[in-house]
Amino acid sequence: MRALAVITIPLVLGLAACSAPGDATDFQYRQTFNKRTNGLILHEDGEGGHAGMFGTNCPFDTRSGAVTGDYDLPDEGEEVQDGEETELGEVTLAAVIPGTVHVLDKTGGIYTHVPLEVPGVVEARLTFDGVVALTGDCHLTWMGLDGVQRADLGVPACGGGLEVDPISGVGVVADPTSTVVVDGQSVVDAAVTGDLVAFDPLTDAFYVAQTGEAAVHALETDGSLRWSVETPGLVTALDDGGASGAAAVVLDMGDGSGAVAFYDGLTGAQIRYADTPSPAEDLSVSGNGEVIALVRPAQTYFFELIE
């Protein structure tokens, strides 16, 4: 396979045909993280992040590509699934081991660890004062950091993704057969379906896509459609673009090559685009919108977004 590490000069933004021109932006290679990961998130400033690896979880530096520590949980094999500011601090993450959501915060330099028991949990997202967890029997559970369950609702399907507005707690369960918006009291069918979902706090939109299809959609928080756009390749990964207020997607161009594209969260206009030697399986964008991580099976590649 061709690795993105061969890119040692800036990737100049190119715009696909039939798209509105945007401001030129370079995706400039920063560093390679030569580790196999089990879930990876970037922190707000993009200078570091956290990942599951080696049966434990570790912080890392995006400039050196080095692991900067680790935190051993009682069990092994956790997947790092989310990172948000919470009432615990600015650097909080959620790591899932079957049956438990482990909330970890290292804002003050010493870890605060809050284990929350959620039988059957498969996905978890942080809110400011708790978590929202999706279980394998298709229930969505809202729980405070005190371990008290606040709400629990069944959803039609749960074979895809979960994303949550960390302030309101409204969530979207995105499944190829039934995508719904859930607020703790009601379940509302969304205008589109998919298995990938991301929430953008800047534009107040949920982005939805289906792996292997050439489209990305933006939903209002009530589940209605804001916009849909056709992408020049097949979507393999999705995230919000942080402070850029956009949907960020990784594309498989069908010839072994890949691409990264950003679509404005308000209008759907393509605002950034860069070709890559191969498509990534996942991505994370820092909260300030300045660093992206393209995740491959055995490496992660960090890029700066240079205006």
Protein backbone atom coordinates (compact mmCIF):
# COMPACT_ATOMS: atom_id res chain seq x y z
CA MET A 1 0.00 0.00 0.00
CA ARG A 2 1.12 3.54 -0.62
CA ALA A 3 1.68 5.52 2.55
CA LEU A 4 0.96 9.18 3.06
CA ALA A 5 4.37 9.53 4.69
CA VAL A 6 5.89 10.08 1.26
CA ILE A 7 4.40 13.58 1.35
CA THR A 8 7.12 15.87 2.64
CA ILE A 9 6.01 19.07 0.93
CA PRO A 10 2.72 20.95 1.25
CA LEU A 11 -0.28 19.43 -0.48
CA VAL A 12 -1.70 22.28 -2.54
CA LEU A 13 -5.46 22.59 -2.50
CA GLY A 14 -7.13 21.62 -5.75
CA LEU A 15 -10.78 22.22 -6.51
CA ALA A 16 -12.89 19.55 -8.16
CA ALA A 17 -14.72 20.36 -11.36
CA CYS A 18 -18.19 21.91 -11.03
CA SER A 19 -17.49 23.20 -7.52
CA ALA A 20 -17.47 26.80 -6.42
CA PRO A 21 -13.98 28.24 -5.94
CA GLY A 22 -12.83 28.70 -2.34
CA ASP A 23 -9.87 30.29 -0.66
CA ALA A 24 -6.67 28.40 -1.47
CA THR A 25 -5.46 26.30 1.45
CA ASP A 26 -2.47 24.00 1.82
CA PHE A 27 -2.57 20.73 3.71
CA GLN A 28 1.02 20.72 4.93
CA TYR A 29 2.54 17.49 6.21
CA ARG A 30 3.61 17.72 9.87
CA GLN A 31 4.52 14.28 11.22
CA THR A 32 3.85 10.54 11.13
CA PHE A 33 2.62 8.61 14.17
CA ASN A 34 3.95 5.09 13.62
CA LYS A 35 1.53 3.24 15.86
CA ARG A 36 -1.47 1.00 15.35
CA THR A 37 -4.34 2.71 17.15
CA ASN A 38 -7.71 1.74 18.55
CA GLY A 39 -9.54 5.04 18.26
CA LEU A 40 -7.77 8.41 18.04
CA ILE A 41 -8.79 12.00 18.76
CA LEU A 42 -6.98 15.33 18.48
CA HIS A 43 -7.20 17.93 21.23
CA GLU A 44 -8.47 21.47 20.72
CA ASP A 45 -5.10 23.02 19.78
CA GLY A 46 -4.00 20.15 17.53
CA GLU A 47 -0.62 19.95 19.27
CA GLY A 48 -1.52 16.65 20.89
CA GLY A 49 -4.15 13.98 21.08
CA HIS A 50 -5.02 10.66 22.66
CA ALA A 51 -5.38 7.15 21.29
CA GLY A 52 -6.04 3.60 22.31
CA MET A 53 -2.98 1.40 21.67
CA PHE A 54 -1.04 -1.57 23.03
CA GLY A 55 -4.07 -2.59 25.11
CA THR A 56 -4.01 0.75 26.97
CA ASN A 57 -4.44 4.43 26.08
CA CYS A 58 -1.80 7.07 25.48
CA PRO A 59 -1.43 10.79 24.84
CA PHE A 60 0.79 11.78 21.91
CA ASP A 61 2.44 14.82 20.34
CA THR A 62 1.61 15.73 16.74
CA ARG A 63 4.88 17.57 16.08
CA SER A 64 7.25 14.80 17.16
CA GLY A 65 4.95 11.83 16.58
CA ALA A 66 5.93 10.57 20.03
CA VAL A 67 3.87 8.93 22.76
CA THR A 68 4.03 11.15 25.85
CA GLY A 69 2.59 8.83 28.51
CA ASP A 70 -0.10 6.27 29.18
CA TYR A 71 -2.94 5.54 31.57
CA ASP A 72 -3.65 1.95 32.61
CA LEU A 73 -7.30 1.10 33.15
CA PRO A 74 -8.36 -1.96 35.19
CA ASP A 75 -9.11 -3.85 31.96
CA GLU A 76 -7.36 -3.80 28.59
CA GLY A 77 -8.33 -3.10 25.00
CA GLU A 78 -10.14 0.22 25.33
CA GLU A 79 -11.17 2.24 22.28
CA VAL A 80 -10.81 6.02 22.50
CA GLN A 81 -14.04 7.38 21.04
CA ASP A 82 -14.42 11.05 21.96
CA GLY A 83 -12.71 14.12 23.35
CA GLU A 84 -14.46 17.27 24.60
CA GLU A 85 -14.27 19.95 27.25
CA THR A 86 -16.35 18.84 30.24
CA GLU A 87 -16.94 20.00 33.79
CA LEU A 88 -13.84 17.95 34.66
CA GLY A 89 -11.65 20.14 32.44
CA GLU A 90 -10.66 21.08 28.91
CA VAL A 91 -8.87 17.81 28.03
CA THR A 92 -11.44 15.08 28.68
CA LEU A 93 -11.80 11.87 26.68
CA ALA A 94 -14.09 8.85 26.63
CA ALA A 95 -12.60 5.37 26.28
CA VAL A 96 -14.88 2.34 25.95
CA ILE A 97 -14.25 -1.17 27.24
CA PRO A 98 -17.21 -3.59 27.03
CA GLY A 99 -19.61 -2.68 29.82
CA THR A 100 -17.87 0.54 30.87
CA VAL A 101 -17.31 4.07 29.62
CA HIS A 102 -14.09 5.39 31.16
CA VAL A 103 -14.05 9.19 31.33
CA LEU A 104 -10.50 10.53 31.71
CA ASP A 105 -9.37 14.13 32.16
CA LYS A 106 -5.77 15.37 32.27
CA THR A 107 -6.34 19.11 32.25
CA GLY A 108 -4.46 19.63 35.51
CA GLY A 109 -1.60 17.29 34.61
CA ILE A 110 -2.88 14.42 36.78
CA TYR A 111 -5.58 12.09 35.47
CA THR A 112 -9.09 12.22 36.87
CA HIS A 113 -10.79 8.88 36.16
CA VAL A 114 -14.57 8.41 36.23
CA PRO A 115 -15.73 4.89 35.26
CA LEU A 116 -19.41 4.67 34.25
CA GLU A 117 -21.02 1.25 33.98
CA VAL A 118 -23.20 0.93 30.86
CA PRO A 119 -23.93 -2.76 30.06
CA GLY A 120 -23.64 -3.48 26.35
CA VAL A 121 -22.13 -0.10 25.42
CA VAL A 122 -20.70 0.08 21.90
CA GLU A 123 -20.39 3.84 21.38
CA ALA A 124 -20.11 6.76 23.82
CA ARG A 125 -19.95 10.53 23.43
CA LEU A 126 -19.23 13.17 26.04
CA THR A 127 -21.55 15.95 27.13
CA PHE A 128 -20.41 18.76 29.39
CA ASP A 129 -21.62 16.92 32.50
CA GLY A 130 -21.91 13.29 31.43
CA VAL A 131 -22.04 10.82 28.57
CA VAL A 132 -24.50 9.56 25.99
CA ALA A 133 -24.01 5.85 25.30
CA LEU A 134 -25.36 3.59 22.57
CA THR A 135 -25.80 -0.08 23.46
CA GLY A 136 -25.78 -3.18 21.32
CA ASP A 137 -29.49 -3.75 21.95
CA CYS A 138 -30.24 -0.34 20.37
CA HIS A 139 -30.79 1.83 23.41
CA LEU A 140 -29.46 5.34 23.89
CA THR A 141 -28.64 6.19 27.50
CA TRP A 142 -27.91 9.61 29.04
CA MET A 143 -25.84 9.41 32.21
CA GLY A 144 -24.27 12.01 34.48
CA LEU A 145 -20.70 11.85 35.69
CA ASP A 146 -22.18 10.86 39.05
CA GLY A 147 -23.29 7.57 37.44
CA VAL A 148 -27.01 8.43 37.64
CA GLN A 149 -29.01 7.54 34.52
CA ARG A 150 -31.05 10.49 33.28
CA ALA A 151 -32.84 9.00 30.29
CA ASP A 152 -32.97 5.83 28.22
CA LEU A 153 -34.71 5.43 24.86
CA GLY A 154 -34.85 2.65 22.31
CA VAL A 155 -33.81 3.47 18.75
CA PRO A 156 -34.85 1.61 15.57
CA ALA A 157 -31.34 0.47 14.62
CA CYS A 158 -27.80 0.82 15.92
CA GLY A 159 -25.45 -0.66 13.34
CA GLY A 160 -23.79 2.63 12.44
CA GLY A 161 -22.54 5.73 14.20
CA LEU A 162 -23.40 8.04 17.09
CA GLU A 163 -22.78 11.75 17.55
CA VAL A 164 -24.00 14.18 20.18
CA ASP A 165 -24.28 17.92 20.72
CA PRO A 166 -22.21 18.11 23.94
CA ILE A 167 -24.17 21.10 25.25
CA SER A 168 -27.79 20.10 24.62
CA GLY A 169 -27.24 16.33 24.69
CA VAL A 170 -29.24 15.86 21.49
CA GLY A 171 -27.88 12.86 19.61
CA VAL A 172 -28.04 11.33 16.15
CA VAL A 173 -27.85 7.58 15.69
CA ALA A 174 -26.85 7.10 12.07
CA ASP A 175 -27.62 3.70 10.58
CA PRO A 176 -27.95 2.73 6.89
CA THR A 177 -31.52 1.59 7.51
CA SER A 178 -32.79 4.21 9.97
CA THR A 179 -31.11 7.43 11.05
CA VAL A 180 -32.81 9.26 13.93
CA VAL A 181 -32.46 12.35 16.11
CA VAL A 182 -32.94 11.59 19.81
CA ASP A 183 -33.22 14.20 22.59
CA GLY A 184 -33.87 12.05 25.66
CA GLN A 185 -37.64 12.28 25.27
CA SER A 186 -38.41 11.54 21.62
CA VAL A 187 -37.05 9.73 18.58
CA VAL A 188 -37.47 11.54 15.23
CA ASP A 189 -36.64 10.13 11.80
CA ALA A 190 -33.94 12.10 9.99
CA ALA A 191 -34.17 13.17 6.36
CA VAL A 192 -31.26 10.93 5.25
CA THR A 193 -29.58 7.73 6.40
CA GLY A 194 -25.95 6.70 6.72
CA ASP A 195 -23.42 5.06 9.02
CA LEU A 196 -21.10 8.02 9.65
CA VAL A 197 -22.09 11.12 11.63
CA ALA A 198 -20.39 14.20 13.10
CA PHE A 199 -21.69 17.23 14.98
CA ASP A 200 -20.50 20.76 14.20
CA PRO A 201 -21.06 23.17 17.13
CA LEU A 202 -20.05 26.15 14.99
CA THR A 203 -22.82 25.68 12.42
CA ASP A 204 -25.19 23.68 14.65
CA ALA A 205 -25.40 20.86 12.11
CA PHE A 206 -25.11 17.09 12.09
CA TYR A 207 -23.16 15.78 9.09
CA VAL A 208 -24.15 12.33 7.81
CA ALA A 209 -22.63 10.08 5.15
CA GLN A 210 -22.75 6.47 4.11
CA THR A 211 -19.45 4.61 3.83
CA GLY A 212 -18.82 3.76 0.18
CA GLU A 213 -21.25 6.32 -1.25
CA ALA A 214 -20.42 9.60 -3.00
CA ALA A 215 -22.43 12.06 -0.93
CA VAL A 216 -22.42 14.00 2.34
CA HIS A 217 -25.42 15.65 4.00
CA ALA A 218 -26.02 18.28 6.67
CA LEU A 219 -28.99 17.94 9.01
CA GLU A 220 -30.61 20.53 11.21
CA THR A 221 -30.87 19.50 14.86
CA ASP A 222 -34.52 18.56 14.27
CA GLY A 223 -33.49 16.03 11.61
CA SER A 224 -34.54 18.06 8.57
CA LEU A 225 -32.17 18.42 5.63
CA ARG A 226 -30.01 21.53 5.33
CA TRP A 227 -28.05 20.45 2.25
CA SER A 228 -26.70 17.46 0.33
CA VAL A 229 -23.69 17.43 -1.97
CA GLU A 230 -22.22 14.86 -4.31
CA THR A 231 -18.56 14.10 -3.62
CA PRO A 232 -15.98 13.28 -6.32
CA GLY A 233 -15.09 10.02 -4.57
CA LEU A 234 -16.56 7.49 -2.15
CA VAL A 235 -16.65 8.56 1.49
CA THR A 236 -14.52 6.50 3.91
CA ALA A 237 -14.43 8.79 6.97
CA LEU A 238 -16.17 11.88 8.34
CA ASP A 239 -15.56 14.51 11.02
CA ASP A 240 -16.49 18.12 11.67
CA GLY A 241 -13.88 20.65 10.59
CA GLY A 242 -13.50 22.38 13.93
CA ALA A 243 -13.26 26.17 13.75
CA SER A 244 -13.56 26.08 9.95
CA GLY A 245 -17.27 25.29 10.31
CA ALA A 246 -17.31 22.51 7.75
CA ALA A 247 -17.85 18.82 7.12
CA ALA A 248 -14.48 17.11 6.67
CA VAL A 249 -14.47 13.89 4.64
CA VAL A 250 -11.93 11.38 3.39
CA LEU A 251 -12.61 10.08 -0.11
CA ASP A 252 -11.64 6.94 -2.00
CA MET A 253 -11.13 7.98 -5.62
CA GLY A 254 -11.47 4.43 -6.97
CA ASP A 255 -7.97 4.14 -8.45
CA GLY A 256 -6.10 3.51 -5.22
CA SER A 257 -5.71 7.20 -4.46
CA GLY A 258 -7.60 9.27 -1.92
CA ALA A 259 -8.58 12.83 -1.11
CA VAL A 260 -9.61 15.09 1.75
CA ALA A 261 -12.44 17.58 1.21
CA PHE A 262 -14.11 20.22 3.38
CA TYR A 263 -17.71 21.36 2.73
CA ASP A 264 -19.06 24.56 4.25
CA GLY A 265 -21.47 23.69 7.05
CA LEU A 266 -23.99 26.39 6.13
CA THR A 267 -24.10 26.00 2.34
CA GLY A 268 -22.41 22.73 1.37
CA ALA A 269 -19.93 24.54 -0.89
CA GLN A 270 -16.57 22.84 -1.22
CA ILE A 271 -14.00 25.06 0.49
CA ARG A 272 -10.91 22.83 0.69
CA TYR A 273 -9.63 19.86 -1.25
CA ALA A 274 -6.38 17.91 -1.49
CA ASP A 275 -5.42 14.67 -3.21
CA THR A 276 -3.64 11.99 -1.16
CA PRO A 277 -1.75 8.91 -2.39
CA SER A 278 -4.26 6.60 -0.66
CA PRO A 279 -7.52 6.95 1.28
CA ALA A 280 -7.52 6.93 5.08
CA GLU A 281 -9.82 4.75 7.18
CA ASP A 282 -10.54 7.48 9.73
CA LEU A 283 -9.77 11.11 10.49
CA SER A 284 -9.85 13.60 13.32
CA VAL A 285 -9.78 17.40 13.06
CA SER A 286 -8.58 19.55 15.95
CA GLY A 287 -11.10 21.90 17.54
CA ASN A 288 -9.26 24.96 16.26
CA GLY A 289 -9.48 23.56 12.71
CA GLU A 290 -5.73 23.78 12.16
CA VAL A 291 -4.57 20.13 12.29
CA ILE A 292 -5.99 16.94 10.80
CA ALA A 293 -5.06 13.34 11.50
CA LEU A 294 -5.46 10.81 8.70
CA VAL A 295 -5.61 7.34 10.25
CA ARG A 296 -4.33 4.28 8.42
CA PRO A 297 -4.12 0.70 9.79
CA ALA A 298 -0.58 1.04 11.17
CA GLN A 299 0.16 4.78 10.99
CA THR A 300 -1.49 8.15 11.44
CA TYR A 301 -0.39 11.18 9.41
CA PHE A 302 -0.73 14.71 10.78
CA PHE A 303 -1.25 17.71 8.51
CA GLU A 304 -1.52 21.43 9.18
CA LEU A 305 -4.14 23.50 7.39
CA ILE A 306 -2.24 26.54 6.17
CA GLU A 307 -4.29 29.53 4.99
